[in-house]
Amino acid sequence: MSKKIYVPVKQVREFIDDQPEMVRIEYLNIVDQLEKDGRLVEPYGKKLKENLFEIRVRRGGNVRVFYFYFENDLIFGVHAFVKKSQQTPQQEIKKAEKTISLIRMDGYHE
């Protein structure tokens, strides 16, 4: 299996930059694992839908980063938020799906 390349969109980068240091460190460690292994297992990641997955940062709050697999070994981080309830809010999933469709239609550029 070839190494994957994780690319966070601007919203994810800015969200993570605003988090406490321990959240940023755990996030980066999980991303390293994702790039190396090409997938995550619980408790660090979870499949939500057919092609929508989440990174689960548990220190310092319930930070979630949605991602999806794109072509050429690319993985895009498409939406980040703090999960405040047991269920994953549908509006957060919709935001991620909107970004995914934009990337699929237009390619990636910021």
C-alpha atoms as a PDB file:
ATOM      1  CA  MET A   1       0.000   0.000   0.000  1.00  0.00           C
ATOM      2  CA  SER A   2       1.389   3.373  -0.964  1.00  0.00           C
ATOM      3  CA  LYS A   3       1.559   6.252   1.458  1.00  0.00           C
ATOM      4  CA  LYS A   4      -1.443   8.559   1.410  1.00  0.00           C
ATOM      5  CA  ILE A   5      -1.282  12.346   1.383  1.00  0.00           C
ATOM      6  CA  TYR A   6      -3.657  14.193   3.693  1.00  0.00           C
ATOM      7  CA  VAL A   7      -4.725  17.671   2.589  1.00  0.00           C
ATOM      8  CA  PRO A   8      -6.885  19.760   4.945  1.00  0.00           C
ATOM      9  CA  VAL A   9      -9.022  22.461   3.349  1.00  0.00           C
ATOM     10  CA  LYS A  10      -8.774  26.031   4.653  1.00  0.00           C
ATOM     11  CA  GLN A  11     -11.684  25.669   7.134  1.00  0.00           C
ATOM     12  CA  VAL A  12     -10.002  22.638   8.727  1.00  0.00           C
ATOM     13  CA  ARG A  13      -6.569  24.304   8.913  1.00  0.00           C
ATOM     14  CA  GLU A  14      -8.005  27.432  10.533  1.00  0.00           C
ATOM     15  CA  PHE A  15     -10.147  25.440  12.963  1.00  0.00           C
ATOM     16  CA  ILE A  16      -7.211  23.274  14.080  1.00  0.00           C
ATOM     17  CA  ASP A  17      -4.938  26.323  14.393  1.00  0.00           C
ATOM     18  CA  ASP A  18      -7.454  27.800  16.869  1.00  0.00           C
ATOM     19  CA  GLN A  19      -7.462  24.710  19.096  1.00  0.00           C
ATOM     20  CA  PRO A  20      -5.372  24.185  22.257  1.00  0.00           C
ATOM     21  CA  GLU A  21      -1.914  22.716  21.734  1.00  0.00           C
ATOM     22  CA  MET A  22      -2.820  19.246  23.011  1.00  0.00           C
ATOM     23  CA  VAL A  23      -5.673  19.027  20.461  1.00  0.00           C
ATOM     24  CA  ARG A  24      -3.343  20.104  17.634  1.00  0.00           C
ATOM     25  CA  ILE A  25      -0.719  17.535  18.675  1.00  0.00           C
ATOM     26  CA  GLU A  26      -3.223  14.675  18.860  1.00  0.00           C
ATOM     27  CA  TYR A  27      -4.722  15.705  15.499  1.00  0.00           C
ATOM     28  CA  LEU A  28      -1.285  15.722  13.844  1.00  0.00           C
ATOM     29  CA  ASN A  29      -0.448  12.311  15.334  1.00  0.00           C
ATOM     30  CA  ILE A  30      -3.706  10.863  14.009  1.00  0.00           C
ATOM     31  CA  VAL A  31      -3.092  12.411  10.557  1.00  0.00           C
ATOM     32  CA  ASP A  32       0.398  10.846  10.512  1.00  0.00           C
ATOM     33  CA  GLN A  33      -1.175   7.458  11.237  1.00  0.00           C
ATOM     34  CA  LEU A  34      -3.773   7.996   8.487  1.00  0.00           C
ATOM     35  CA  GLU A  35      -1.098   8.875   5.929  1.00  0.00           C
ATOM     36  CA  LYS A  36       1.053   5.910   6.932  1.00  0.00           C
ATOM     37  CA  ASP A  37      -1.669   3.232   7.190  1.00  0.00           C
ATOM     38  CA  GLY A  38      -4.192   4.680   4.738  1.00  0.00           C
ATOM     39  CA  ARG A  39      -7.003   4.230   7.256  1.00  0.00           C
ATOM     40  CA  LEU A  40      -7.916   4.758  10.902  1.00  0.00           C
ATOM     41  CA  VAL A  41      -9.501   2.446  13.439  1.00  0.00           C
ATOM     42  CA  GLU A  42     -11.577   3.389  16.460  1.00  0.00           C
ATOM     43  CA  PRO A  43     -11.130   5.270  18.713  1.00  0.00           C
ATOM     44  CA  TYR A  44      -9.110   7.508  16.319  1.00  0.00           C
ATOM     45  CA  GLY A  45     -11.376   7.317  13.312  1.00  0.00           C
ATOM     46  CA  LYS A  46     -14.747   6.081  12.175  1.00  0.00           C
ATOM     47  CA  LYS A  47     -16.614   5.516   8.917  1.00  0.00           C
ATOM     48  CA  LEU A  48     -19.782   7.618   8.825  1.00  0.00           C
ATOM     49  CA  LYS A  49     -21.086   7.003   5.304  1.00  0.00           C
ATOM     50  CA  GLU A  50     -20.011   5.369   2.060  1.00  0.00           C
ATOM     51  CA  ASN A  51     -17.163   7.816   1.451  1.00  0.00           C
ATOM     52  CA  LEU A  52     -17.197   9.989   4.566  1.00  0.00           C
ATOM     53  CA  PHE A  53     -15.003   9.327   7.568  1.00  0.00           C
ATOM     54  CA  GLU A  54     -14.058  11.200  10.723  1.00  0.00           C
ATOM     55  CA  ILE A  55     -10.894  11.817  12.667  1.00  0.00           C
ATOM     56  CA  ARG A  56     -11.740  11.727  16.377  1.00  0.00           C
ATOM     57  CA  VAL A  57      -9.596  13.975  18.571  1.00  0.00           C
ATOM     58  CA  ARG A  58     -10.675  13.211  22.105  1.00  0.00           C
ATOM     59  CA  ARG A  59      -8.282  15.258  24.247  1.00  0.00           C
ATOM     60  CA  GLY A  60      -9.460  18.730  25.118  1.00  0.00           C
ATOM     61  CA  GLY A  61     -12.961  18.217  23.787  1.00  0.00           C
ATOM     62  CA  ASN A  62     -14.643  16.179  21.100  1.00  0.00           C
ATOM     63  CA  VAL A  63     -13.041  17.612  17.978  1.00  0.00           C
ATOM     64  CA  ARG A  64     -14.101  15.911  14.757  1.00  0.00           C
ATOM     65  CA  VAL A  65     -12.569  16.322  11.324  1.00  0.00           C
ATOM     66  CA  PHE A  66     -14.435  14.782   8.393  1.00  0.00           C
ATOM     67  CA  TYR A  67     -12.387  13.442   5.508  1.00  0.00           C
ATOM     68  CA  PHE A  68     -12.791  11.508   2.290  1.00  0.00           C
ATOM     69  CA  TYR A  69     -10.571   9.581  -0.088  1.00  0.00           C
ATOM     70  CA  PHE A  70      -9.844  11.199  -3.437  1.00  0.00           C
ATOM     71  CA  GLU A  71      -7.850  10.000  -6.436  1.00  0.00           C
ATOM     72  CA  ASN A  72      -4.062   9.518  -6.552  1.00  0.00           C
ATOM     73  CA  ASP A  73      -3.691   8.588  -2.868  1.00  0.00           C
ATOM     74  CA  LEU A  74      -5.094  11.931  -1.691  1.00  0.00           C
ATOM     75  CA  ILE A  75      -7.216  12.251   1.430  1.00  0.00           C
ATOM     76  CA  PHE A  76      -9.005  15.554   1.968  1.00  0.00           C
ATOM     77  CA  GLY A  77      -9.933  16.891   5.404  1.00  0.00           C
ATOM     78  CA  VAL A  78     -13.136  18.718   4.491  1.00  0.00           C
ATOM     79  CA  HIS A  79     -14.810  19.939   7.681  1.00  0.00           C
ATOM     80  CA  ALA A  80     -13.911  20.329  11.372  1.00  0.00           C
ATOM     81  CA  PHE A  81     -16.060  21.092  14.406  1.00  0.00           C
ATOM     82  CA  VAL A  82     -16.507  20.352  18.105  1.00  0.00           C
ATOM     83  CA  LYS A  83     -19.051  17.610  18.663  1.00  0.00           C
ATOM     84  CA  LYS A  84     -21.389  18.580  21.499  1.00  0.00           C
ATOM     85  CA  SER A  85     -23.979  15.797  21.404  1.00  0.00           C
ATOM     86  CA  GLN A  86     -24.113  12.016  21.203  1.00  0.00           C
ATOM     87  CA  GLN A  87     -25.285  12.042  17.586  1.00  0.00           C
ATOM     88  CA  THR A  88     -23.251  13.587  14.786  1.00  0.00           C
ATOM     89  CA  PRO A  89     -25.270  16.659  13.690  1.00  0.00           C
ATOM     90  CA  GLN A  90     -26.673  16.322  10.171  1.00  0.00           C
ATOM     91  CA  GLN A  91     -25.851  19.963   9.360  1.00  0.00           C
ATOM     92  CA  GLU A  92     -22.154  19.199   9.970  1.00  0.00           C
ATOM     93  CA  ILE A  93     -22.329  16.206   7.618  1.00  0.00           C
ATOM     94  CA  LYS A  94     -24.042  18.391   4.998  1.00  0.00           C
ATOM     95  CA  LYS A  95     -21.226  20.973   5.219  1.00  0.00           C
ATOM     96  CA  ALA A  96     -18.676  18.211   4.634  1.00  0.00           C
ATOM     97  CA  GLU A  97     -20.645  16.782   1.704  1.00  0.00           C
ATOM     98  CA  LYS A  98     -20.900  20.222   0.093  1.00  0.00           C
ATOM     99  CA  THR A  99     -17.102  20.628   0.255  1.00  0.00           C
ATOM    100  CA  ILE A 100     -16.622  17.102  -1.132  1.00  0.00           C
ATOM    101  CA  SER A 101     -18.831  17.864  -4.138  1.00  0.00           C
ATOM    102  CA  LEU A 102     -16.951  21.119  -4.784  1.00  0.00           C
ATOM    103  CA  ILE A 103     -13.618  19.274  -4.737  1.00  0.00           C
ATOM    104  CA  ARG A 104     -14.951  16.564  -7.052  1.00  0.00           C
ATOM    105  CA  MET A 105     -16.382  19.118  -9.493  1.00  0.00           C
ATOM    106  CA  ASP A 106     -13.597  21.684  -9.544  1.00  0.00           C
ATOM    107  CA  GLY A 107     -10.569  19.813  -8.263  1.00  0.00           C
ATOM    108  CA  TYR A 108      -8.702  21.256  -5.331  1.00  0.00           C
ATOM    109  CA  HIS A 109      -7.460  24.834  -5.245  1.00  0.00           C
ATOM    110  CA  GLU A 110      -7.460  27.503  -2.579  1.00  0.00           C
END
